[in-house]
Amino acid sequence: MTVRIDSGVADGSTITNQDFMTTSTEGQNATGSPYPVVLAPPYDLSINPTSQKLSTRAGSVISYTETVQNLGYNDDTFTLATSGNQWPTTLWDSSFTTQITETGSMAPGDMTNFGVEVSVPITATSGSTDTVSVKGTSIGDPARTASASIQTNAVTNPVLLVDNDGNSPDVQSYYRAALDANGYQYDV
């Protein structure tokens, strides 16, 4: 079966197959219910996850993985860039062996992973953060972009006190007392 859509229908429009019925010479029949279909644009993309937040020690490098997907109906390549960050940040292929500035050509619906590495300066203070925006841009239509936000937190103390009891009862004071008594520095 071939379906032709009038060239006047805009990207993002919804068309609905009202119903269908088929027959064959072998006697098999099929019928179906209405099914809405949203028309994809010629060029589009997504980057996921759209937000990540991790912590690592000052002086360390932390790695994140992002996925770009071609949501358009044409093959496309996407440029990748970072902005807004203060700490050194680089983009890598999925194996973290080669720095990249774009994906290869991707067929409609294809997904590919890429890496983001953030180098936390040795001089970063505990609790300091840096946020980088990672932006993908369609080469086929540069107006089509997607982005993700990655926040990295610096940790300088050897212990992170996480008390997830909801303060019922509040036992954090016992943990603090034990760490203090033994001379450990910690973040809360």
Protein backbone atom coordinates (compact mmCIF):
# COMPACT_ATOMS: atom_id res chain seq x y z
CA MET A 1 0.00 0.00 0.00
CA THR A 2 1.26 3.47 -0.81
CA VAL A 3 0.12 6.57 1.05
CA ARG A 4 0.72 9.96 -0.45
CA ILE A 5 0.48 13.07 1.68
CA ASP A 6 -0.29 16.40 0.05
CA SER A 7 2.77 18.65 0.02
CA GLY A 8 0.67 21.40 1.64
CA VAL A 9 0.51 19.49 4.94
CA ALA A 10 2.86 21.08 7.49
CA ASP A 11 5.46 19.29 9.61
CA GLY A 12 4.00 18.36 12.97
CA SER A 13 0.48 18.06 11.55
CA THR A 14 -1.55 15.07 12.65
CA ILE A 15 -3.17 12.88 10.06
CA THR A 16 -5.60 10.16 11.03
CA ASN A 17 -6.19 6.93 9.20
CA GLN A 18 -9.96 6.79 9.62
CA ASP A 19 -10.03 3.03 9.32
CA PHE A 20 -8.81 0.41 6.93
CA MET A 21 -9.94 -2.89 5.52
CA THR A 22 -8.01 -5.28 3.37
CA THR A 23 -8.83 -8.53 1.67
CA SER A 24 -6.75 -11.07 -0.13
CA THR A 25 -7.41 -13.83 -2.63
CA GLU A 26 -6.46 -16.34 0.11
CA GLY A 27 -9.46 -15.21 2.13
CA GLN A 28 -7.57 -13.36 4.88
CA ASN A 29 -9.10 -10.04 5.91
CA ALA A 30 -7.93 -7.30 8.26
CA THR A 31 -9.63 -4.20 9.62
CA GLY A 32 -8.38 -1.46 11.86
CA SER A 33 -9.38 1.48 14.01
CA PRO A 34 -8.50 5.14 13.47
CA TYR A 35 -4.83 5.79 14.16
CA PRO A 36 -3.36 9.30 14.44
CA VAL A 37 0.11 9.88 12.99
CA VAL A 38 2.13 13.04 13.69
CA LEU A 39 4.23 13.95 10.69
CA ALA A 40 7.94 14.27 11.42
CA PRO A 41 9.82 17.31 10.18
CA PRO A 42 12.57 16.79 7.60
CA TYR A 43 15.24 17.61 10.20
CA ASP A 44 15.03 17.36 13.98
CA LEU A 45 16.89 15.87 16.94
CA SER A 46 16.82 15.16 20.64
CA ILE A 47 19.56 14.84 23.26
CA ASN A 48 18.94 12.72 26.34
CA PRO A 49 19.09 12.80 29.24
CA THR A 50 18.30 16.51 29.20
CA SER A 51 19.73 16.98 32.69
CA GLN A 52 22.47 15.25 34.70
CA LYS A 53 24.08 16.06 38.02
CA LEU A 54 27.05 14.24 39.58
CA SER A 55 29.82 14.93 42.07
CA THR A 56 33.51 14.09 42.06
CA ARG A 57 36.67 15.03 43.88
CA ALA A 58 38.52 18.23 43.03
CA GLY A 59 41.34 17.41 40.60
CA SER A 60 39.37 14.57 38.99
CA VAL A 61 37.74 14.07 35.61
CA ILE A 62 34.14 12.88 35.51
CA SER A 63 32.45 11.29 32.49
CA TYR A 64 28.85 11.60 31.34
CA THR A 65 27.11 9.82 28.46
CA GLU A 66 24.50 11.54 26.29
CA THR A 67 22.43 10.17 23.42
CA VAL A 68 21.48 12.10 20.29
CA GLN A 69 18.60 10.83 18.15
CA ASN A 70 17.67 11.83 14.60
CA LEU A 71 13.94 12.70 14.80
CA GLY A 72 13.69 13.97 11.22
CA TYR A 73 12.74 11.95 8.16
CA ASN A 74 16.01 12.75 6.35
CA ASP A 75 19.55 11.54 7.03
CA ASP A 76 21.37 14.19 9.03
CA THR A 77 24.59 14.98 10.87
CA PHE A 78 24.59 17.00 14.09
CA THR A 79 27.25 19.41 15.31
CA LEU A 80 27.97 19.26 19.05
CA ALA A 81 29.19 22.15 21.19
CA THR A 82 29.50 23.17 24.82
CA SER A 83 28.84 26.55 26.44
CA GLY A 84 28.37 28.25 29.78
CA ASN A 85 30.99 26.21 31.63
CA GLN A 86 34.00 27.45 33.58
CA TRP A 87 35.69 24.07 34.08
CA PRO A 88 37.41 22.36 31.11
CA THR A 89 34.89 20.22 29.21
CA THR A 90 35.43 18.00 26.17
CA LEU A 91 33.18 15.95 23.88
CA TRP A 92 34.09 12.36 22.97
CA ASP A 93 32.91 9.45 20.86
CA SER A 94 30.98 6.76 22.74
CA SER A 95 34.16 4.88 23.69
CA PHE A 96 35.83 8.05 25.07
CA THR A 97 38.84 7.53 22.78
CA THR A 98 38.42 10.31 20.18
CA GLN A 99 37.34 13.91 20.73
CA ILE A 100 34.46 14.95 18.45
CA THR A 101 32.60 18.06 17.32
CA GLU A 102 29.82 16.29 15.39
CA THR A 103 28.10 12.98 14.93
CA GLY A 104 28.49 10.97 11.77
CA SER A 105 25.63 10.80 9.31
CA MET A 106 22.54 9.35 11.00
CA ALA A 107 19.52 7.76 9.34
CA PRO A 108 16.02 8.75 10.49
CA GLY A 109 15.33 7.32 13.96
CA ASP A 110 18.97 6.39 14.60
CA MET A 111 20.52 7.08 17.99
CA THR A 112 24.17 7.41 18.93
CA ASN A 113 25.90 7.91 22.25
CA PHE A 114 28.64 10.43 22.87
CA GLY A 115 30.71 11.30 25.91
CA VAL A 116 31.18 14.48 27.90
CA GLU A 117 34.16 14.83 30.24
CA VAL A 118 34.40 17.58 32.85
CA SER A 119 37.74 18.27 34.55
CA VAL A 120 37.22 19.60 38.07
CA PRO A 121 40.12 21.91 38.97
CA ILE A 122 42.27 20.90 41.94
CA THR A 123 41.58 24.39 43.33
CA ALA A 124 37.79 23.88 43.36
CA THR A 125 36.28 24.27 46.81
CA SER A 126 33.93 21.73 48.31
CA GLY A 127 30.39 22.29 47.12
CA SER A 128 31.36 24.47 44.17
CA THR A 129 29.52 23.62 40.96
CA ASP A 130 29.87 24.14 37.25
CA THR A 131 27.14 23.70 34.68
CA VAL A 132 27.76 23.05 31.01
CA SER A 133 25.17 23.21 28.26
CA VAL A 134 25.70 20.63 25.50
CA LYS A 135 23.99 21.68 22.28
CA GLY A 136 23.32 19.66 19.15
CA THR A 137 22.50 21.40 15.88
CA SER A 138 21.14 19.86 12.68
CA ILE A 139 23.40 20.44 9.68
CA GLY A 140 20.35 19.96 7.42
CA ASP A 141 18.41 22.72 9.22
CA PRO A 142 20.50 24.76 11.68
CA ALA A 143 17.31 26.16 13.25
CA ARG A 144 16.73 22.66 14.73
CA THR A 145 18.63 22.28 17.98
CA ALA A 146 18.47 20.31 21.21
CA SER A 147 20.43 20.68 24.41
CA ALA A 148 21.25 19.05 27.72
CA SER A 149 22.42 20.57 30.99
CA ILE A 150 25.19 18.86 32.97
CA GLN A 151 26.07 20.00 36.48
CA THR A 152 29.23 18.83 38.24
CA ASN A 153 29.79 19.34 41.97
CA ALA A 154 33.26 19.44 43.52
CA VAL A 155 33.95 17.44 46.67
CA THR A 156 37.09 18.03 48.73
CA ASN A 157 36.28 16.29 51.99
CA PRO A 158 36.82 12.52 52.18
CA VAL A 159 33.35 11.80 53.62
CA LEU A 160 29.92 12.83 52.39
CA LEU A 161 27.34 12.47 55.13
CA VAL A 162 24.04 11.39 53.58
CA ASP A 163 21.22 10.99 56.05
CA ASN A 164 18.13 10.06 54.08
CA ASP A 165 15.88 9.28 57.04
CA GLY A 166 13.55 12.23 56.49
CA ASN A 167 14.39 13.45 60.02
CA SER A 168 11.98 11.00 61.56
CA PRO A 169 13.79 10.40 63.82
CA ASP A 170 16.60 12.84 63.19
CA VAL A 171 19.79 10.81 63.65
CA GLN A 172 22.21 13.06 61.76
CA SER A 173 23.61 14.41 65.04
CA TYR A 174 24.83 10.90 65.96
CA TYR A 175 26.68 10.55 62.66
CA ARG A 176 28.21 14.02 63.04
CA ALA A 177 29.34 13.24 66.59
CA ALA A 178 31.01 9.99 65.50
CA LEU A 179 32.83 11.69 62.59
CA ASP A 180 33.87 14.65 64.77
CA ALA A 181 35.12 12.36 67.56
CA ASN A 182 37.39 10.56 65.09
CA GLY A 183 38.68 13.70 63.36
CA TYR A 184 37.03 13.17 59.96
CA GLN A 185 36.17 16.14 57.76
CA TYR A 186 32.86 15.78 55.97
CA ASP A 187 30.27 17.48 53.81
CA VAL A 188 26.55 17.27 54.44
